[in-house]
Amino acid sequence: MFRIIMENLINNAIKFTNTGSIKIIADIEEGNTICISVNDSGIGIPKEYLDLIFEEFRQVSEGINREYQGTGLGLSISKKYVTLLGGTLSVQSQSGTGSSFFVRFPLVENFD
């Protein structure tokens, strides 16, 4: 599930970033949480669409003339998988300035 989450986020960053950069960062935050962020300098997401992108079969660009292809399932599947693994998935974005997706999981001290 973790691999699929990361593949979806990274593939979206690549798809929506024609120029600029994509950065993947892992940080340990206060409260024993690990945060993995996927940051891009791509097209960004308008504020009014930030909640919609996590719904099944929904995209910012919809209809037969949409600019970017896809099923609209990657982010909804990722959000469900993150939740099943006990974490959270959130986004910060502005149109034209890129997007940052944040996956947070509680740290596990023992892998037994």
Protein backbone atom coordinates (compact mmCIF):
# COMPACT_ATOMS: atom_id res chain seq x y z
CA MET A 1 0.00 0.00 0.00
CA PHE A 2 2.81 2.40 0.86
CA ARG A 3 4.46 1.83 -2.53
CA ILE A 4 1.19 2.56 -4.34
CA ILE A 5 0.68 5.76 -2.31
CA MET A 6 4.14 7.04 -3.20
CA GLU A 7 3.87 6.00 -6.85
CA ASN A 8 0.57 7.89 -7.20
CA LEU A 9 1.92 11.07 -5.59
CA ILE A 10 5.20 11.03 -7.53
CA ASN A 11 3.49 10.20 -10.84
CA ASN A 12 1.09 13.13 -10.33
CA ALA A 13 4.00 15.45 -9.55
CA ILE A 14 5.71 14.36 -12.78
CA LYS A 15 2.51 14.64 -14.85
CA PHE A 16 1.71 18.17 -13.70
CA THR A 17 5.25 19.63 -13.67
CA ASN A 18 6.52 20.60 -17.11
CA THR A 19 9.43 22.69 -15.82
CA GLY A 20 10.94 23.20 -12.41
CA SER A 21 11.47 20.64 -9.72
CA ILE A 22 10.00 17.78 -7.75
CA LYS A 23 11.27 17.13 -4.23
CA ILE A 24 10.53 14.24 -1.90
CA ILE A 25 11.36 14.90 1.73
CA ALA A 26 11.02 12.71 4.82
CA ASP A 27 11.07 14.40 8.24
CA ILE A 28 10.47 13.23 11.77
CA GLU A 29 8.07 15.66 13.42
CA GLU A 30 7.24 16.27 17.06
CA GLY A 31 4.92 13.69 18.52
CA ASN A 32 6.73 10.72 16.93
CA THR A 33 5.30 11.27 13.47
CA ILE A 34 7.05 10.81 10.15
CA CYS A 35 6.04 13.20 7.39
CA ILE A 36 6.83 12.41 3.77
CA SER A 37 6.18 15.31 1.45
CA VAL A 38 6.05 15.32 -2.34
CA ASN A 39 6.55 18.89 -3.53
CA ASP A 40 6.40 20.11 -7.11
CA SER A 41 6.62 23.42 -8.92
CA GLY A 42 3.93 22.40 -11.40
CA ILE A 43 0.58 23.87 -12.39
CA GLY A 44 -0.86 23.80 -8.88
CA ILE A 45 -4.47 23.31 -7.82
CA PRO A 46 -7.00 26.12 -7.43
CA LYS A 47 -8.21 26.50 -3.83
CA GLU A 48 -11.81 25.55 -4.68
CA TYR A 49 -10.69 22.12 -5.96
CA LEU A 50 -8.50 21.02 -3.03
CA ASP A 51 -11.18 18.80 -1.45
CA LEU A 52 -12.53 17.51 -4.78
CA ILE A 53 -9.24 15.91 -5.85
CA PHE A 54 -9.57 13.20 -3.19
CA GLU A 55 -12.98 12.07 -4.49
CA GLU A 56 -13.21 9.03 -6.77
CA PHE A 57 -13.23 9.78 -10.51
CA ARG A 58 -12.83 13.53 -9.90
CA GLN A 59 -10.19 15.81 -11.35
CA VAL A 60 -9.64 19.54 -11.57
CA SER A 61 -9.87 19.27 -15.36
CA GLU A 62 -12.94 17.19 -16.24
CA GLY A 63 -14.88 16.40 -19.40
CA ILE A 64 -13.89 15.17 -22.83
CA ASN A 65 -11.71 18.20 -23.55
CA ARG A 66 -9.63 17.94 -20.39
CA GLU A 67 -5.96 18.74 -20.69
CA TYR A 68 -4.60 15.91 -18.49
CA GLN A 69 -5.64 12.28 -18.82
CA GLY A 70 -6.23 9.84 -15.99
CA THR A 71 -8.98 7.98 -14.18
CA GLY A 72 -9.26 10.28 -11.18
CA LEU A 73 -8.58 7.37 -8.83
CA GLY A 74 -4.93 7.82 -7.78
CA LEU A 75 -5.47 10.35 -4.99
CA SER A 76 -8.67 8.75 -3.69
CA ILE A 77 -6.95 5.35 -3.48
CA SER A 78 -3.90 6.92 -1.85
CA LYS A 79 -6.03 8.67 0.77
CA LYS A 80 -7.86 5.42 1.60
CA TYR A 81 -4.59 3.48 1.87
CA VAL A 82 -3.00 6.13 4.09
CA THR A 83 -6.04 6.01 6.37
CA LEU A 84 -5.92 2.19 6.51
CA LEU A 85 -2.27 2.44 7.56
CA GLY A 86 -3.18 4.85 10.38
CA GLY A 87 -1.98 8.05 8.76
CA THR A 88 -3.21 11.20 7.09
CA LEU A 89 -2.86 12.67 3.60
CA SER A 90 -3.18 16.41 3.03
CA VAL A 91 -2.36 18.97 0.35
CA GLN A 92 -1.27 22.58 0.11
CA SER A 93 -1.39 24.19 -3.30
CA GLN A 94 -2.04 27.32 -5.28
CA SER A 95 -2.77 27.54 -8.96
CA GLY A 96 0.42 28.31 -10.89
CA THR A 97 2.85 27.74 -8.02
CA GLY A 98 2.88 23.98 -7.50
CA SER A 99 1.60 21.54 -4.92
CA SER A 100 2.79 19.84 -1.75
CA PHE A 101 1.26 16.57 -0.60
CA PHE A 102 1.95 15.46 2.97
CA VAL A 103 1.72 11.85 4.15
CA ARG A 104 1.97 11.48 7.92
CA PHE A 105 2.29 8.24 9.85
CA PRO A 106 2.90 7.53 13.53
CA LEU A 107 6.41 6.18 14.05
CA VAL A 108 6.69 2.55 15.02
CA GLU A 109 9.60 1.86 17.36
CA ASN A 110 9.71 -1.90 16.98
CA PHE A 111 9.19 -3.77 13.70
CA ASP A 112 8.69 -7.22 15.29
